[in-house]
């Protein structure tokens, strides 16, 4: 297998960043706090997800793709944690880890 060029690796990284930014944007748009959930904890996790998502957008705009990918993964991890803890109503396993 031929090693990929730096340009090919950069394009692949940018494509991953775009994919996960879109996925996390969709997840943030669908977030609903579950009835009976601990409101403060749910809001805190959602707020952290939004902050890391915004950071990811900032780093992507600056073409700091590795940092952008790291930030968007943190953002989505906060949403997954909230879903796993039962703080979110959404059971869409394409957007959230629910199992």
C-alpha atoms as a PDB file:
ATOM      1  CA  UNK A   1       0.000   0.000   0.000  1.00  0.00           C
ATOM      2  CA  UNK A   2       1.382   3.340  -1.058  1.00  0.00           C
ATOM      3  CA  UNK A   3       1.735   5.913   1.750  1.00  0.00           C
ATOM      4  CA  UNK A   4      -0.606   8.841   1.387  1.00  0.00           C
ATOM      5  CA  UNK A   5       0.784  12.266   0.664  1.00  0.00           C
ATOM      6  CA  UNK A   6       0.515  15.073   3.220  1.00  0.00           C
ATOM      7  CA  UNK A   7      -2.156  16.689   1.029  1.00  0.00           C
ATOM      8  CA  UNK A   8      -4.210  13.474   0.988  1.00  0.00           C
ATOM      9  CA  UNK A   9      -3.940  13.138   4.763  1.00  0.00           C
ATOM     10  CA  UNK A  10      -4.937  16.787   5.231  1.00  0.00           C
ATOM     11  CA  UNK A  11      -7.955  16.318   2.951  1.00  0.00           C
ATOM     12  CA  UNK A  12      -9.008  13.199   4.857  1.00  0.00           C
ATOM     13  CA  UNK A  13      -8.699  15.026   8.182  1.00  0.00           C
ATOM     14  CA  UNK A  14     -10.718  17.988   6.871  1.00  0.00           C
ATOM     15  CA  UNK A  15     -13.419  15.600   5.638  1.00  0.00           C
ATOM     16  CA  UNK A  16     -13.624  13.979   9.082  1.00  0.00           C
ATOM     17  CA  UNK A  17     -13.879  17.369  10.768  1.00  0.00           C
ATOM     18  CA  UNK A  18     -16.705  18.361   8.407  1.00  0.00           C
ATOM     19  CA  UNK A  19     -18.513  15.049   9.006  1.00  0.00           C
ATOM     20  CA  UNK A  20     -18.364  15.318  12.791  1.00  0.00           C
ATOM     21  CA  UNK A  21     -19.221  19.021  12.835  1.00  0.00           C
ATOM     22  CA  UNK A  22     -22.371  18.251  10.855  1.00  0.00           C
ATOM     23  CA  UNK A  23     -23.259  15.279  13.086  1.00  0.00           C
ATOM     24  CA  UNK A  24     -22.797  17.316  16.256  1.00  0.00           C
ATOM     25  CA  UNK A  25     -24.719  20.281  14.830  1.00  0.00           C
ATOM     26  CA  UNK A  26     -27.646  17.936  14.113  1.00  0.00           C
ATOM     27  CA  UNK A  27     -27.412  16.414  17.594  1.00  0.00           C
ATOM     28  CA  UNK A  28     -27.392  19.823  19.274  1.00  0.00           C
ATOM     29  CA  UNK A  29     -30.461  20.820  17.255  1.00  0.00           C
ATOM     30  CA  UNK A  30     -32.347  17.729  18.459  1.00  0.00           C
ATOM     31  CA  UNK A  31     -31.364  17.802  22.129  1.00  0.00           C
ATOM     32  CA  UNK A  32     -34.326  17.615  24.491  1.00  0.00           C
ATOM     33  CA  UNK A  33     -33.989  17.241  28.226  1.00  0.00           C
ATOM     34  CA  UNK A  34     -35.898  14.237  29.540  1.00  0.00           C
ATOM     35  CA  UNK A  35     -38.809  14.711  31.921  1.00  0.00           C
ATOM     36  CA  UNK A  36     -37.627  14.166  35.468  1.00  0.00           C
ATOM     37  CA  UNK A  37     -33.969  14.573  34.520  1.00  0.00           C
ATOM     38  CA  UNK A  38     -31.628  16.493  36.790  1.00  0.00           C
ATOM     39  CA  UNK A  39     -32.034  19.855  35.036  1.00  0.00           C
ATOM     40  CA  UNK A  40     -28.825  21.510  36.195  1.00  0.00           C
ATOM     41  CA  UNK A  41     -26.676  18.545  35.160  1.00  0.00           C
ATOM     42  CA  UNK A  42     -28.428  18.283  31.787  1.00  0.00           C
ATOM     43  CA  UNK A  43     -27.974  21.998  31.101  1.00  0.00           C
ATOM     44  CA  UNK A  44     -24.325  21.847  32.155  1.00  0.00           C
ATOM     45  CA  UNK A  45     -23.529  18.968  29.800  1.00  0.00           C
ATOM     46  CA  UNK A  46     -25.404  20.588  26.915  1.00  0.00           C
ATOM     47  CA  UNK A  47     -23.643  23.893  27.570  1.00  0.00           C
ATOM     48  CA  UNK A  48     -20.247  22.182  27.549  1.00  0.00           C
ATOM     49  CA  UNK A  49     -21.150  20.453  24.273  1.00  0.00           C
ATOM     50  CA  UNK A  50     -22.109  23.791  22.721  1.00  0.00           C
ATOM     51  CA  UNK A  51     -18.898  25.443  23.909  1.00  0.00           C
ATOM     52  CA  UNK A  52     -16.676  22.689  22.520  1.00  0.00           C
ATOM     53  CA  UNK A  53     -18.659  22.731  19.270  1.00  0.00           C
ATOM     54  CA  UNK A  54     -18.068  26.475  18.929  1.00  0.00           C
ATOM     55  CA  UNK A  55     -14.371  25.910  19.669  1.00  0.00           C
ATOM     56  CA  UNK A  56     -14.278  23.260  16.937  1.00  0.00           C
ATOM     57  CA  UNK A  57     -15.790  25.700  14.443  1.00  0.00           C
ATOM     58  CA  UNK A  58     -13.202  28.314  15.431  1.00  0.00           C
ATOM     59  CA  UNK A  59     -10.290  25.893  14.971  1.00  0.00           C
ATOM     60  CA  UNK A  60     -11.669  24.622  11.657  1.00  0.00           C
ATOM     61  CA  UNK A  61     -11.884  28.209  10.381  1.00  0.00           C
ATOM     62  CA  UNK A  62      -8.229  28.675  11.348  1.00  0.00           C
ATOM     63  CA  UNK A  63      -7.419  25.396   9.522  1.00  0.00           C
ATOM     64  CA  UNK A  64      -6.253  23.808  12.776  1.00  0.00           C
ATOM     65  CA  UNK A  65      -7.982  20.579  11.855  1.00  0.00           C
ATOM     66  CA  UNK A  66      -6.504  18.238  14.424  1.00  0.00           C
ATOM     67  CA  UNK A  67      -7.546  20.593  17.230  1.00  0.00           C
ATOM     68  CA  UNK A  68     -10.958  21.038  15.576  1.00  0.00           C
ATOM     69  CA  UNK A  69     -11.438  17.265  15.447  1.00  0.00           C
ATOM     70  CA  UNK A  70     -10.468  16.958  19.092  1.00  0.00           C
ATOM     71  CA  UNK A  71     -12.885  19.697  20.141  1.00  0.00           C
ATOM     72  CA  UNK A  72     -15.836  18.333  18.170  1.00  0.00           C
ATOM     73  CA  UNK A  73     -15.230  14.879  19.634  1.00  0.00           C
ATOM     74  CA  UNK A  74     -15.321  16.356  23.137  1.00  0.00           C
ATOM     75  CA  UNK A  75     -18.550  18.166  22.223  1.00  0.00           C
ATOM     76  CA  UNK A  76     -20.234  15.010  21.095  1.00  0.00           C
ATOM     77  CA  UNK A  77     -18.914  13.064  24.080  1.00  0.00           C
ATOM     78  CA  UNK A  78     -20.742  15.459  26.420  1.00  0.00           C
ATOM     79  CA  UNK A  79     -23.978  14.782  24.508  1.00  0.00           C
ATOM     80  CA  UNK A  80     -23.386  11.031  24.585  1.00  0.00           C
ATOM     81  CA  UNK A  81     -22.757  11.190  28.328  1.00  0.00           C
ATOM     82  CA  UNK A  82     -26.007  13.079  28.864  1.00  0.00           C
ATOM     83  CA  UNK A  83     -27.881  10.513  26.765  1.00  0.00           C
ATOM     84  CA  UNK A  84     -26.333   7.564  28.597  1.00  0.00           C
ATOM     85  CA  UNK A  85     -27.214   9.142  31.939  1.00  0.00           C
ATOM     86  CA  UNK A  86     -30.838   9.392  30.839  1.00  0.00           C
ATOM     87  CA  UNK A  87     -30.825  13.189  30.810  1.00  0.00           C
ATOM     88  CA  UNK A  88     -31.967  13.448  27.186  1.00  0.00           C
ATOM     89  CA  UNK A  89     -35.214  12.314  25.576  1.00  0.00           C
ATOM     90  CA  UNK A  90     -33.683  11.626  22.188  1.00  0.00           C
ATOM     91  CA  UNK A  91     -33.259   7.948  21.405  1.00  0.00           C
ATOM     92  CA  UNK A  92     -31.734   8.496  17.972  1.00  0.00           C
ATOM     93  CA  UNK A  93     -28.736   6.170  18.024  1.00  0.00           C
ATOM     94  CA  UNK A  94     -27.398   7.786  14.870  1.00  0.00           C
ATOM     95  CA  UNK A  95     -26.852  11.005  16.814  1.00  0.00           C
ATOM     96  CA  UNK A  96     -26.465   9.820  20.406  1.00  0.00           C
ATOM     97  CA  UNK A  97     -25.025   6.831  22.171  1.00  0.00           C
ATOM     98  CA  UNK A  98     -28.158   5.390  23.758  1.00  0.00           C
ATOM     99  CA  UNK A  99     -27.278   1.732  24.301  1.00  0.00           C
END
